Amino acid sequence: MSIISGLNKEFESRVRLGMMSVLMVNDWVDFTEMKNLLQVTDGNLASHSTALEKHEYIEIKKEFVGKKPRTSYKITETGKLAFQQHLAFLEKIMRQ
């Protein structure tokens, strides 16, 4: 077994790592705010958020505010646990 086998492959992307980090310390974050924080394109953010949603790590809410659509993200309990385990494993690797 490799020393990296405990890392979560879903968090290998810097965009996903950034999204999860932002969502660990914020309740709901909207698309524009997340895009500005991570400095990524619309398509890049959308594809990575879809991947995280597929694994039930984040929840995506789409709604209309007035006549404008708004997309927001929130981390799920499954996502919090998976991300905490990923970070704990990284710490373990660094201490070896």
N, C-alpha and C. Protein backbone atom coordinates (compact mmCIF):
# COMPACT_ATOMS: atom_id res chain seq x y z
N MET A 1 0.84 -1.18 0.00
CA MET A 1 0.00 0.00 0.00
C MET A 1 0.89 1.25 0.00
N SER A 2 0.59 2.17 -0.87
CA SER A 2 1.35 3.41 -1.02
C SER A 2 1.06 4.35 0.17
N ILE A 3 2.00 5.25 0.44
CA ILE A 3 1.78 6.21 1.53
C ILE A 3 0.71 7.24 1.19
N ILE A 4 0.34 7.34 -0.10
CA ILE A 4 -0.68 8.30 -0.50
C ILE A 4 -2.03 7.65 -0.75
N SER A 5 -2.16 6.38 -0.48
CA SER A 5 -3.40 5.67 -0.78
C SER A 5 -4.59 6.18 0.06
N GLY A 6 -4.33 6.85 1.16
CA GLY A 6 -5.41 7.36 2.00
C GLY A 6 -5.93 8.74 1.59
N LEU A 7 -5.29 9.34 0.59
CA LEU A 7 -5.74 10.65 0.13
C LEU A 7 -6.99 10.50 -0.73
N ASN A 8 -7.90 11.45 -0.61
CA ASN A 8 -9.15 11.43 -1.37
C ASN A 8 -8.90 12.01 -2.76
N LYS A 9 -9.04 11.20 -3.78
CA LYS A 9 -8.77 11.62 -5.16
C LYS A 9 -9.66 12.78 -5.60
N GLU A 10 -10.82 12.89 -5.02
CA GLU A 10 -11.74 13.97 -5.40
C GLU A 10 -11.25 15.35 -4.99
N PHE A 11 -10.28 15.42 -4.11
CA PHE A 11 -9.75 16.70 -3.65
C PHE A 11 -8.38 17.02 -4.26
N GLU A 12 -7.96 16.27 -5.29
CA GLU A 12 -6.65 16.50 -5.89
C GLU A 12 -6.58 17.81 -6.67
N SER A 13 -7.68 18.23 -7.25
CA SER A 13 -7.71 19.48 -8.01
C SER A 13 -7.59 20.67 -7.06
N ARG A 14 -6.81 21.66 -7.48
CA ARG A 14 -6.66 22.86 -6.64
C ARG A 14 -7.98 23.62 -6.53
N VAL A 15 -8.82 23.55 -7.57
CA VAL A 15 -10.12 24.21 -7.52
C VAL A 15 -11.01 23.54 -6.48
N ARG A 16 -11.06 22.22 -6.50
CA ARG A 16 -11.89 21.49 -5.52
C ARG A 16 -11.35 21.69 -4.11
N LEU A 17 -10.05 21.69 -3.97
CA LEU A 17 -9.44 21.93 -2.66
C LEU A 17 -9.80 23.33 -2.17
N GLY A 18 -9.76 24.30 -3.07
CA GLY A 18 -10.13 25.66 -2.72
C GLY A 18 -11.60 25.77 -2.36
N MET A 19 -12.45 25.15 -3.15
CA MET A 19 -13.89 25.19 -2.86
C MET A 19 -14.19 24.59 -1.49
N MET A 20 -13.62 23.44 -1.23
CA MET A 20 -13.89 22.77 0.05
C MET A 20 -13.36 23.62 1.21
N SER A 21 -12.21 24.24 1.03
CA SER A 21 -11.65 25.09 2.09
C SER A 21 -12.56 26.28 2.37
N VAL A 22 -13.05 26.91 1.31
CA VAL A 22 -13.96 28.05 1.48
C VAL A 22 -15.24 27.61 2.18
N LEU A 23 -15.77 26.47 1.75
CA LEU A 23 -17.06 26.03 2.29
C LEU A 23 -16.94 25.47 3.72
N MET A 24 -15.75 25.09 4.13
CA MET A 24 -15.57 24.63 5.51
C MET A 24 -15.78 25.76 6.51
N VAL A 25 -15.54 27.00 6.09
CA VAL A 25 -15.62 28.12 7.02
C VAL A 25 -16.74 29.10 6.69
N ASN A 26 -17.54 28.79 5.69
CA ASN A 26 -18.67 29.64 5.31
C ASN A 26 -19.91 28.77 5.15
N ASP A 27 -21.07 29.34 5.42
CA ASP A 27 -22.31 28.58 5.30
C ASP A 27 -22.66 28.39 3.82
N TRP A 28 -23.28 29.38 3.20
CA TRP A 28 -23.58 29.35 1.78
C TRP A 28 -22.69 30.37 1.09
N VAL A 29 -22.11 29.99 -0.05
CA VAL A 29 -21.29 30.90 -0.84
C VAL A 29 -21.85 30.90 -2.26
N ASP A 30 -22.13 32.10 -2.79
CA ASP A 30 -22.71 32.11 -4.14
C ASP A 30 -21.63 32.00 -5.22
N PHE A 31 -22.10 31.68 -6.41
CA PHE A 31 -21.23 31.40 -7.56
C PHE A 31 -20.23 32.51 -7.80
N THR A 32 -20.70 33.75 -7.83
CA THR A 32 -19.82 34.87 -8.15
C THR A 32 -18.74 35.06 -7.08
N GLU A 33 -19.13 34.95 -5.83
CA GLU A 33 -18.15 35.09 -4.74
C GLU A 33 -17.10 33.97 -4.82
N MET A 34 -17.56 32.73 -5.06
CA MET A 34 -16.63 31.60 -5.15
C MET A 34 -15.69 31.79 -6.34
N LYS A 35 -16.26 32.21 -7.45
CA LYS A 35 -15.46 32.43 -8.67
C LYS A 35 -14.38 33.49 -8.42
N ASN A 36 -14.76 34.56 -7.74
CA ASN A 36 -13.79 35.62 -7.45
C ASN A 36 -12.73 35.18 -6.45
N LEU A 37 -13.13 34.42 -5.46
CA LEU A 37 -12.16 33.94 -4.46
C LEU A 37 -11.13 33.01 -5.08
N LEU A 38 -11.60 32.15 -5.99
CA LEU A 38 -10.70 31.14 -6.57
C LEU A 38 -10.05 31.60 -7.87
N GLN A 39 -10.57 32.72 -8.46
CA GLN A 39 -10.04 33.23 -9.73
C GLN A 39 -10.06 32.14 -10.81
N VAL A 40 -11.24 31.58 -11.04
CA VAL A 40 -11.42 30.56 -12.06
C VAL A 40 -12.52 31.01 -13.02
N THR A 41 -12.64 30.31 -14.14
CA THR A 41 -13.67 30.64 -15.12
C THR A 41 -15.01 30.04 -14.69
N ASP A 42 -16.08 30.52 -15.31
CA ASP A 42 -17.41 30.00 -15.02
C ASP A 42 -17.47 28.49 -15.26
N GLY A 43 -16.96 28.07 -16.43
CA GLY A 43 -17.01 26.66 -16.79
C GLY A 43 -16.19 25.78 -15.85
N ASN A 44 -15.03 26.29 -15.47
CA ASN A 44 -14.17 25.54 -14.55
C ASN A 44 -14.85 25.35 -13.20
N LEU A 45 -15.42 26.42 -12.68
CA LEU A 45 -16.12 26.32 -11.39
C LEU A 45 -17.33 25.39 -11.49
N ALA A 46 -18.07 25.52 -12.58
CA ALA A 46 -19.26 24.68 -12.74
C ALA A 46 -18.90 23.20 -12.83
N SER A 47 -17.85 22.87 -13.57
CA SER A 47 -17.51 21.45 -13.72
C SER A 47 -16.99 20.86 -12.40
N HIS A 48 -16.19 21.62 -11.66
CA HIS A 48 -15.69 21.10 -10.39
C HIS A 48 -16.80 21.02 -9.33
N SER A 49 -17.71 21.97 -9.35
CA SER A 49 -18.82 21.91 -8.38
C SER A 49 -19.73 20.73 -8.68
N THR A 50 -19.93 20.44 -9.95
CA THR A 50 -20.74 19.27 -10.32
C THR A 50 -20.09 17.98 -9.83
N ALA A 51 -18.78 17.89 -9.97
CA ALA A 51 -18.05 16.70 -9.51
C ALA A 51 -18.19 16.53 -7.99
N LEU A 52 -18.06 17.63 -7.25
CA LEU A 52 -18.20 17.55 -5.79
C LEU A 52 -19.63 17.21 -5.39
N GLU A 53 -20.59 17.74 -6.13
CA GLU A 53 -21.99 17.43 -5.85
C GLU A 53 -22.29 15.96 -6.12
N LYS A 54 -21.71 15.43 -7.17
CA LYS A 54 -21.92 14.02 -7.55
C LYS A 54 -21.53 13.09 -6.40
N HIS A 55 -20.49 13.46 -5.67
CA HIS A 55 -20.04 12.65 -4.53
C HIS A 55 -20.72 13.06 -3.23
N GLU A 56 -21.69 13.97 -3.34
CA GLU A 56 -22.46 14.47 -2.19
C GLU A 56 -21.59 15.18 -1.16
N TYR A 57 -20.52 15.83 -1.67
CA TYR A 57 -19.66 16.61 -0.79
C TYR A 57 -20.16 18.04 -0.63
N ILE A 58 -20.89 18.53 -1.64
CA ILE A 58 -21.48 19.85 -1.55
C ILE A 58 -22.93 19.79 -2.02
N GLU A 59 -23.69 20.80 -1.59
CA GLU A 59 -25.07 20.97 -2.05
C GLU A 59 -25.09 22.21 -2.93
N ILE A 60 -25.80 22.12 -4.05
CA ILE A 60 -25.91 23.27 -4.95
C ILE A 60 -27.36 23.71 -4.96
N LYS A 61 -27.55 25.01 -4.69
CA LYS A 61 -28.90 25.58 -4.68
C LYS A 61 -29.00 26.58 -5.83
N LYS A 62 -30.02 26.41 -6.66
CA LYS A 62 -30.27 27.34 -7.77
C LYS A 62 -31.62 27.99 -7.53
N GLU A 63 -31.62 29.32 -7.57
CA GLU A 63 -32.85 30.06 -7.30
C GLU A 63 -32.83 31.36 -8.10
N PHE A 64 -33.96 32.01 -8.15
CA PHE A 64 -34.05 33.32 -8.77
C PHE A 64 -34.17 34.38 -7.68
N VAL A 65 -33.36 35.41 -7.80
CA VAL A 65 -33.47 36.57 -6.92
C VAL A 65 -33.91 37.71 -7.83
N GLY A 66 -35.17 38.08 -7.69
CA GLY A 66 -35.76 38.98 -8.68
C GLY A 66 -35.89 38.21 -9.98
N LYS A 67 -35.29 38.73 -11.02
CA LYS A 67 -35.31 38.03 -12.31
C LYS A 67 -33.96 37.40 -12.64
N LYS A 68 -33.03 37.47 -11.70
CA LYS A 68 -31.68 36.94 -11.96
C LYS A 68 -31.49 35.58 -11.28
N PRO A 69 -30.91 34.62 -12.01
CA PRO A 69 -30.61 33.33 -11.39
C PRO A 69 -29.41 33.44 -10.45
N ARG A 70 -29.47 32.70 -9.36
CA ARG A 70 -28.33 32.68 -8.43
C ARG A 70 -28.05 31.23 -8.03
N THR A 71 -26.78 30.87 -8.12
CA THR A 71 -26.33 29.54 -7.71
C THR A 71 -25.48 29.69 -6.46
N SER A 72 -25.76 28.85 -5.47
CA SER A 72 -25.00 28.90 -4.21
C SER A 72 -24.55 27.50 -3.84
N TYR A 73 -23.48 27.47 -3.04
CA TYR A 73 -22.88 26.20 -2.62
C TYR A 73 -22.81 26.12 -1.10
N LYS A 74 -23.00 24.89 -0.62
CA LYS A 74 -22.87 24.62 0.82
C LYS A 74 -22.23 23.24 0.98
N ILE A 75 -21.35 23.11 1.93
CA ILE A 75 -20.74 21.81 2.18
C ILE A 75 -21.75 20.92 2.92
N THR A 76 -21.74 19.64 2.62
CA THR A 76 -22.62 18.68 3.31
C THR A 76 -21.86 18.06 4.48
N GLU A 77 -22.57 17.37 5.33
CA GLU A 77 -21.90 16.66 6.44
C GLU A 77 -20.95 15.60 5.89
N THR A 78 -21.36 14.93 4.81
CA THR A 78 -20.49 13.94 4.16
C THR A 78 -19.22 14.63 3.65
N GLY A 79 -19.38 15.81 3.07
CA GLY A 79 -18.24 16.56 2.57
C GLY A 79 -17.30 17.01 3.68
N LYS A 80 -17.87 17.48 4.78
CA LYS A 80 -17.04 17.90 5.93
C LYS A 80 -16.20 16.74 6.43
N LEU A 81 -16.84 15.60 6.62
CA LEU A 81 -16.14 14.43 7.13
C LEU A 81 -15.04 13.99 6.15
N ALA A 82 -15.37 13.91 4.87
CA ALA A 82 -14.39 13.47 3.87
C ALA A 82 -13.21 14.45 3.79
N PHE A 83 -13.49 15.75 3.87
CA PHE A 83 -12.42 16.74 3.77
C PHE A 83 -11.55 16.72 5.03
N GLN A 84 -12.17 16.57 6.19
CA GLN A 84 -11.40 16.48 7.43
C GLN A 84 -10.50 15.24 7.41
N GLN A 85 -11.01 14.14 6.90
CA GLN A 85 -10.19 12.92 6.79
C GLN A 85 -9.03 13.13 5.82
N HIS A 86 -9.30 13.83 4.72
CA HIS A 86 -8.26 14.12 3.73
C HIS A 86 -7.16 14.97 4.37
N LEU A 87 -7.56 16.02 5.08
CA LEU A 87 -6.58 16.89 5.74
C LEU A 87 -5.79 16.15 6.82
N ALA A 88 -6.47 15.30 7.57
CA ALA A 88 -5.80 14.52 8.61
C ALA A 88 -4.77 13.58 7.99
N PHE A 89 -5.12 13.01 6.84
CA PHE A 89 -4.17 12.11 6.20
C PHE A 89 -2.97 12.89 5.67
N LEU A 90 -3.19 14.09 5.14
CA LEU A 90 -2.07 14.92 4.70
C LEU A 90 -1.12 15.22 5.86
N GLU A 91 -1.72 15.56 7.01
CA GLU A 91 -0.89 15.83 8.20
C GLU A 91 -0.08 14.60 8.59
N LYS A 92 -0.72 13.46 8.51
CA LYS A 92 -0.04 12.21 8.86
C LYS A 92 1.15 11.97 7.94
N ILE A 93 0.97 12.22 6.65
CA ILE A 93 2.07 12.04 5.69
C ILE A 93 3.22 12.99 6.01
N MET A 94 2.87 14.24 6.34
CA MET A 94 3.92 15.22 6.62
C MET A 94 4.72 14.87 7.87
N ARG A 95 4.10 14.19 8.80
CA ARG A 95 4.80 13.84 10.06
C ARG A 95 5.65 12.59 9.94
N GLN A 96 5.50 11.87 8.85
CA GLN A 96 6.28 10.64 8.68
C GLN A 96 7.69 10.94 8.23
